[in-house]
Protein backbone atom coordinates (compact mmCIF):
# COMPACT_ATOMS: atom_id res chain seq x y z
CA MET A 1 16.83 -50.15 -69.98
CA PHE A 2 15.36 -52.52 -67.44
CA VAL A 3 12.38 -54.82 -67.91
CA THR A 4 10.80 -56.00 -64.66
CA PHE A 5 7.72 -57.96 -63.60
CA LYS A 6 6.16 -54.63 -62.59
CA ASP A 7 6.58 -53.39 -66.17
CA ILE A 8 4.72 -56.44 -67.44
CA GLU A 9 1.95 -56.18 -64.81
CA ASN A 10 1.45 -52.46 -65.40
CA HIS A 11 0.99 -52.85 -69.15
CA PRO A 12 -1.74 -55.40 -69.84
CA GLU A 13 -2.04 -54.00 -73.40
CA ARG A 14 1.62 -54.88 -74.06
CA GLN A 15 2.40 -55.93 -77.64
CA LEU A 16 5.85 -57.34 -76.85
CA SER A 17 5.79 -61.14 -77.01
CA ALA A 18 9.49 -62.12 -77.03
CA ILE A 19 12.76 -60.84 -75.58
CA ALA A 20 16.19 -62.06 -76.71
CA ASP A 21 18.72 -61.44 -73.93
CA VAL A 22 22.29 -62.07 -75.09
CA SER A 23 23.74 -60.91 -71.77
CA CYS A 24 22.12 -63.76 -69.81
CA ASP A 25 22.93 -62.10 -66.49
CA THR A 26 20.67 -64.31 -64.39
CA THR A 27 23.09 -64.27 -61.43
CA ASN A 28 23.98 -60.57 -61.63
CA PRO A 29 22.10 -58.39 -59.11
CA HIS A 30 22.07 -55.66 -61.78
CA ASN A 31 20.48 -57.89 -64.41
CA PRO A 32 18.60 -55.52 -66.74
CA ILE A 33 15.99 -58.19 -67.51
CA PRO A 34 15.18 -59.87 -64.17
CA ILE A 35 12.03 -61.59 -65.42
CA TYR A 36 13.60 -65.04 -65.83
CA THR A 37 16.09 -67.12 -63.85
CA ILE A 38 17.48 -69.70 -66.26
CA ASN A 39 19.52 -69.68 -69.43
CA THR A 40 17.93 -71.38 -72.37
CA THR A 41 19.65 -73.76 -74.77
CA PHE A 42 19.55 -74.47 -78.48
CA ALA A 43 17.52 -77.60 -77.64
CA LYS A 44 15.07 -75.53 -75.54
CA PRO A 45 15.61 -71.95 -76.72
CA VAL A 46 12.63 -70.29 -75.03
CA VAL A 47 11.39 -69.88 -71.47
CA ASN A 48 7.88 -68.58 -70.82
CA VAL A 49 7.52 -65.71 -68.37
CA GLU A 50 4.68 -65.68 -65.87
CA VAL A 51 2.29 -62.92 -66.91
CA PRO A 52 -0.97 -61.70 -65.41
CA GLU A 53 -4.02 -63.74 -66.40
CA GLY A 54 -5.46 -62.53 -69.67
CA SER A 55 -2.17 -60.93 -70.77
CA LYS A 56 -0.41 -61.78 -74.00
CA PRO A 57 2.20 -64.56 -73.49
CA LEU A 58 5.81 -63.45 -73.12
CA SER A 59 8.85 -65.59 -73.93
CA VAL A 60 12.55 -65.04 -73.31
CA ILE A 61 15.47 -66.37 -75.35
CA SER A 62 18.57 -66.34 -73.16
CA ILE A 63 21.14 -68.59 -74.80
CA ASP A 64 24.34 -67.59 -73.01
CA HIS A 65 26.56 -68.07 -76.05
CA LEU A 66 24.21 -66.41 -78.54
CA PRO A 67 26.73 -63.61 -79.28
CA THR A 68 28.80 -66.22 -81.09
CA MET A 69 25.90 -66.51 -83.52
CA LEU A 70 26.10 -62.75 -84.20
CA PRO A 71 29.84 -62.10 -83.97
CA ARG A 72 29.99 -58.82 -85.88
CA GLU A 73 27.00 -57.25 -84.13
CA SER A 74 28.09 -58.39 -80.67
CA SER A 75 31.69 -57.25 -81.29
CA GLU A 76 30.55 -53.82 -82.45
CA SER A 77 28.19 -53.44 -79.51
CA PHE A 78 30.76 -54.60 -76.96
CA SER A 79 33.45 -52.36 -78.47
CA ALA A 80 31.17 -49.32 -78.35
CA ALA A 81 30.31 -50.03 -74.71
CA LEU A 82 33.97 -50.57 -73.77
CA LEU A 83 35.42 -47.56 -75.62
CA GLU A 84 34.63 -45.00 -72.90
CA SER A 85 36.37 -47.11 -70.25
CA LEU A 86 39.40 -47.70 -72.46
CA LEU A 87 39.73 -43.97 -73.13
CA ALA A 88 39.65 -43.36 -69.36
CA LEU A 89 42.54 -45.78 -68.76
CA LYS A 90 45.11 -42.98 -69.07
CA ASP A 91 43.47 -41.37 -65.99
CA ARG A 92 42.79 -44.65 -64.19
CA LYS A 93 43.35 -43.26 -60.67
CA ASN A 94 40.43 -40.84 -61.13
CA SER A 95 38.22 -43.00 -63.36
CA ARG A 96 35.51 -44.73 -61.33
CA VAL A 97 35.50 -47.92 -63.43
CA TRP A 98 39.28 -48.37 -63.18
CA ALA A 99 39.49 -47.31 -59.51
CA ASP A 100 36.71 -49.79 -58.67
CA ALA A 101 38.45 -52.52 -60.66
CA GLU A 102 41.74 -51.92 -58.85
CA LYS A 103 39.99 -51.88 -55.45
CA LEU A 104 38.25 -55.19 -56.22
CA PHE A 105 41.51 -56.68 -57.48
CA ARG A 106 43.33 -55.70 -54.28
CA GLU A 107 40.48 -57.06 -52.12
CA LYS A 108 40.60 -60.42 -53.91
CA VAL A 109 44.41 -60.60 -53.79
CA ALA A 110 44.23 -60.02 -50.03
CA THR A 111 42.15 -63.19 -49.67
CA LEU A 112 44.74 -65.41 -51.38
CA PRO A 113 46.76 -67.80 -49.26
CA GLY A 114 50.24 -66.51 -48.46
CA SER A 115 51.88 -69.42 -50.26
CA ILE A 116 50.74 -68.19 -53.67
């Protein structure tokens, strides 16, 4: 699920007032929540999102090490997301995720200096 500025603008009756993003993918072009650009901290745990005038305020919590505060939940979620890729490892030549990973690995190795 993605949440964008357009989603916020198109729903002035929105009830949502806070989002907690434990992925904190602010530099990832595929960030599922591209409505903020900074990670928050425990000292300043919330960033306010610009919303249309008259709309309910919206805040984001994006502490990049928040999963350490919820270790069981984050481990279970990560494991569930990773399971499909791990099961495809036995057919890694035909699995998109593993083929893409190998291609990227080979591209990066090719950029290394010859002395390494």
